[in-house]
Amino acid sequence: MIGIDLIKLERMKCSIERFGDKFLQRFLSPDEMQLIKNSKTAAGFWAAKEACSKALGTGIGKECSFHDIKLSKTARGAPQISLSQELLDNYKIKSMSVSITHDGDYAVAVVAIQN
């Protein structure tokens, strides 16, 4: 299963300026917040979580919340994605991969899930 998401960087920047950390806490764990350098990075994380929920076929909502999806970085700085144990069990996930990119005014993420 594959999911993709696109977000305009300005949308993320405005949300952070308006609501600050309260907005970031809505979709990021404390560990993830430590990885956020600016609104561009936050937009990439948002897109990755949305793409993951789409790959699962649920979208963000009752079955899969932003906090069920965790992003981290490898030693080389590449993004990694993991899911809550409940999602891993419910969807029989074997492996996942994520790619995040930024170009111009947008952040894009693609997530591939194998079950």
C-alpha atoms as a PDB file:
ATOM      1  CA  MET A   1       0.000   0.000   0.000  1.00  0.00           C
ATOM      2  CA  ILE A   2       1.239   3.477  -0.837  1.00  0.00           C
ATOM      3  CA  GLY A   3       0.183   6.859   0.502  1.00  0.00           C
ATOM      4  CA  ILE A   4       1.228  10.341  -0.560  1.00  0.00           C
ATOM      5  CA  ASP A   5       0.615  13.809   0.846  1.00  0.00           C
ATOM      6  CA  LEU A   6       1.480  17.343  -0.164  1.00  0.00           C
ATOM      7  CA  ILE A   7       1.362  20.449   2.032  1.00  0.00           C
ATOM      8  CA  LYS A   8       2.057  24.069   1.232  1.00  0.00           C
ATOM      9  CA  LEU A   9       4.850  25.359   3.485  1.00  0.00           C
ATOM     10  CA  GLU A  10       3.049  28.658   4.074  1.00  0.00           C
ATOM     11  CA  ARG A  11       0.090  26.797   5.611  1.00  0.00           C
ATOM     12  CA  MET A  12       2.360  25.189   8.202  1.00  0.00           C
ATOM     13  CA  LYS A  13       4.218  28.445   8.870  1.00  0.00           C
ATOM     14  CA  CYS A  14       0.967  30.341   9.505  1.00  0.00           C
ATOM     15  CA  SER A  15      -0.365  27.627  11.839  1.00  0.00           C
ATOM     16  CA  ILE A  16       2.837  27.647  13.892  1.00  0.00           C
ATOM     17  CA  GLU A  17       2.890  31.457  14.056  1.00  0.00           C
ATOM     18  CA  ARG A  18      -0.739  31.541  15.133  1.00  0.00           C
ATOM     19  CA  PHE A  19      -0.819  28.650  17.623  1.00  0.00           C
ATOM     20  CA  GLY A  20       2.852  27.911  18.459  1.00  0.00           C
ATOM     21  CA  ASP A  21       3.812  24.727  20.279  1.00  0.00           C
ATOM     22  CA  LYS A  22       0.159  23.918  20.985  1.00  0.00           C
ATOM     23  CA  PHE A  23      -0.310  23.324  17.261  1.00  0.00           C
ATOM     24  CA  LEU A  24       2.845  21.203  16.990  1.00  0.00           C
ATOM     25  CA  GLN A  25       1.790  19.089  19.993  1.00  0.00           C
ATOM     26  CA  ARG A  26      -1.425  18.266  18.121  1.00  0.00           C
ATOM     27  CA  PHE A  27       0.508  16.052  15.702  1.00  0.00           C
ATOM     28  CA  LEU A  28       3.999  15.568  17.160  1.00  0.00           C
ATOM     29  CA  SER A  29       5.337  13.666  20.172  1.00  0.00           C
ATOM     30  CA  PRO A  30       7.904  15.353  22.447  1.00  0.00           C
ATOM     31  CA  ASP A  31      10.676  13.331  20.755  1.00  0.00           C
ATOM     32  CA  GLU A  32       9.494  14.417  17.323  1.00  0.00           C
ATOM     33  CA  MET A  33       9.343  18.055  18.423  1.00  0.00           C
ATOM     34  CA  GLN A  34      13.062  17.855  19.222  1.00  0.00           C
ATOM     35  CA  LEU A  35      13.705  17.076  15.533  1.00  0.00           C
ATOM     36  CA  ILE A  36      11.764  20.081  14.213  1.00  0.00           C
ATOM     37  CA  LYS A  37      14.140  22.814  13.067  1.00  0.00           C
ATOM     38  CA  ASN A  38      11.596  25.093  11.365  1.00  0.00           C
ATOM     39  CA  SER A  39       8.182  25.141   9.731  1.00  0.00           C
ATOM     40  CA  LYS A  40       9.626  23.403   6.656  1.00  0.00           C
ATOM     41  CA  THR A  41      10.638  20.365   8.752  1.00  0.00           C
ATOM     42  CA  ALA A  42       7.260  20.390  10.525  1.00  0.00           C
ATOM     43  CA  ALA A  43       5.477  20.397   7.156  1.00  0.00           C
ATOM     44  CA  GLY A  44       7.473  17.345   6.069  1.00  0.00           C
ATOM     45  CA  PHE A  45       6.507  15.489   9.240  1.00  0.00           C
ATOM     46  CA  TRP A  46       2.843  16.430   8.768  1.00  0.00           C
ATOM     47  CA  ALA A  47       2.907  15.177   5.183  1.00  0.00           C
ATOM     48  CA  ALA A  48       4.591  11.922   6.244  1.00  0.00           C
ATOM     49  CA  LYS A  49       1.965  11.192   8.887  1.00  0.00           C
ATOM     50  CA  GLU A  50      -0.870  11.995   6.476  1.00  0.00           C
ATOM     51  CA  ALA A  51       0.744   9.808   3.786  1.00  0.00           C
ATOM     52  CA  CYS A  52       1.090   6.943   6.262  1.00  0.00           C
ATOM     53  CA  SER A  53      -2.574   7.129   7.276  1.00  0.00           C
ATOM     54  CA  LYS A  54      -3.550   7.088   3.601  1.00  0.00           C
ATOM     55  CA  ALA A  55      -1.348   4.053   2.969  1.00  0.00           C
ATOM     56  CA  LEU A  56      -3.218   2.302   5.779  1.00  0.00           C
ATOM     57  CA  GLY A  57      -6.481   3.256   4.093  1.00  0.00           C
ATOM     58  CA  THR A  58      -7.848   5.072   7.127  1.00  0.00           C
ATOM     59  CA  GLY A  59      -6.759   8.696   6.985  1.00  0.00           C
ATOM     60  CA  ILE A  60      -6.189  10.515  10.254  1.00  0.00           C
ATOM     61  CA  GLY A  61      -9.125   9.926  12.555  1.00  0.00           C
ATOM     62  CA  LYS A  62     -10.609   7.424  14.966  1.00  0.00           C
ATOM     63  CA  GLU A  63      -8.661   4.369  13.752  1.00  0.00           C
ATOM     64  CA  CYS A  64      -5.318   6.117  13.297  1.00  0.00           C
ATOM     65  CA  SER A  65      -4.305   9.310  15.080  1.00  0.00           C
ATOM     66  CA  PHE A  66      -1.269  11.489  14.438  1.00  0.00           C
ATOM     67  CA  HIS A  67       0.214  10.095  17.664  1.00  0.00           C
ATOM     68  CA  ASP A  68      -0.060   6.486  16.449  1.00  0.00           C
ATOM     69  CA  ILE A  69       2.574   7.368  13.829  1.00  0.00           C
ATOM     70  CA  LYS A  70       6.098   8.214  14.985  1.00  0.00           C
ATOM     71  CA  LEU A  71       8.893   9.733  12.939  1.00  0.00           C
ATOM     72  CA  SER A  72      12.577   9.620  13.795  1.00  0.00           C
ATOM     73  CA  LYS A  73      15.886   9.945  11.971  1.00  0.00           C
ATOM     74  CA  THR A  74      18.587   7.404  11.182  1.00  0.00           C
ATOM     75  CA  ALA A  75      22.213   8.100  12.085  1.00  0.00           C
ATOM     76  CA  ARG A  76      22.602   9.522   8.583  1.00  0.00           C
ATOM     77  CA  GLY A  77      19.570  11.795   8.954  1.00  0.00           C
ATOM     78  CA  ALA A  78      17.092   9.860   6.817  1.00  0.00           C
ATOM     79  CA  PRO A  79      13.517   9.763   8.095  1.00  0.00           C
ATOM     80  CA  GLN A  80      12.147   6.579   9.667  1.00  0.00           C
ATOM     81  CA  ILE A  81       8.548   5.793  10.455  1.00  0.00           C
ATOM     82  CA  SER A  82       6.999   3.509  13.055  1.00  0.00           C
ATOM     83  CA  LEU A  83       3.487   2.745  14.212  1.00  0.00           C
ATOM     84  CA  SER A  84       1.809   2.047  17.526  1.00  0.00           C
ATOM     85  CA  GLN A  85       1.654  -1.628  18.452  1.00  0.00           C
ATOM     86  CA  GLU A  86      -2.117  -1.543  18.016  1.00  0.00           C
ATOM     87  CA  LEU A  87      -1.811  -0.451  14.373  1.00  0.00           C
ATOM     88  CA  LEU A  88       0.980  -2.946  13.695  1.00  0.00           C
ATOM     89  CA  ASP A  89      -1.222  -5.745  15.037  1.00  0.00           C
ATOM     90  CA  ASN A  90      -4.497  -4.582  13.432  1.00  0.00           C
ATOM     91  CA  TYR A  91      -3.002  -4.110   9.972  1.00  0.00           C
ATOM     92  CA  LYS A  92      -0.409  -6.932  10.073  1.00  0.00           C
ATOM     93  CA  ILE A  93       2.411  -4.573   9.001  1.00  0.00           C
ATOM     94  CA  LYS A  94       5.627  -6.295   7.906  1.00  0.00           C
ATOM     95  CA  SER A  95       7.658  -3.293   6.777  1.00  0.00           C
ATOM     96  CA  MET A  96       7.360   0.425   6.053  1.00  0.00           C
ATOM     97  CA  SER A  97       9.396   3.104   4.371  1.00  0.00           C
ATOM     98  CA  VAL A  98       9.036   6.868   4.104  1.00  0.00           C
ATOM     99  CA  SER A  99      10.456   9.566   1.877  1.00  0.00           C
ATOM    100  CA  ILE A 100      10.074  13.297   2.524  1.00  0.00           C
ATOM    101  CA  THR A 101      11.087  16.037   0.107  1.00  0.00           C
ATOM    102  CA  HIS A 102      10.734  19.786  -0.161  1.00  0.00           C
ATOM    103  CA  ASP A 103      10.565  21.789  -3.364  1.00  0.00           C
ATOM    104  CA  GLY A 104       9.643  25.415  -3.736  1.00  0.00           C
ATOM    105  CA  ASP A 105       6.556  26.136  -1.673  1.00  0.00           C
ATOM    106  CA  TYR A 106       5.722  22.497  -0.851  1.00  0.00           C
ATOM    107  CA  ALA A 107       6.655  19.498   1.275  1.00  0.00           C
ATOM    108  CA  VAL A 108       5.772  16.052  -0.089  1.00  0.00           C
ATOM    109  CA  ALA A 109       5.921  12.648   1.589  1.00  0.00           C
ATOM    110  CA  VAL A 110       5.390   9.127   0.321  1.00  0.00           C
ATOM    111  CA  VAL A 111       4.924   6.083   2.570  1.00  0.00           C
ATOM    112  CA  ALA A 112       5.001   2.471   1.421  1.00  0.00           C
ATOM    113  CA  ILE A 113       3.626  -0.245   3.684  1.00  0.00           C
ATOM    114  CA  GLN A 114       3.906  -3.980   3.197  1.00  0.00           C
ATOM    115  CA  ASN A 115       1.553  -6.316   5.043  1.00  0.00           C
END
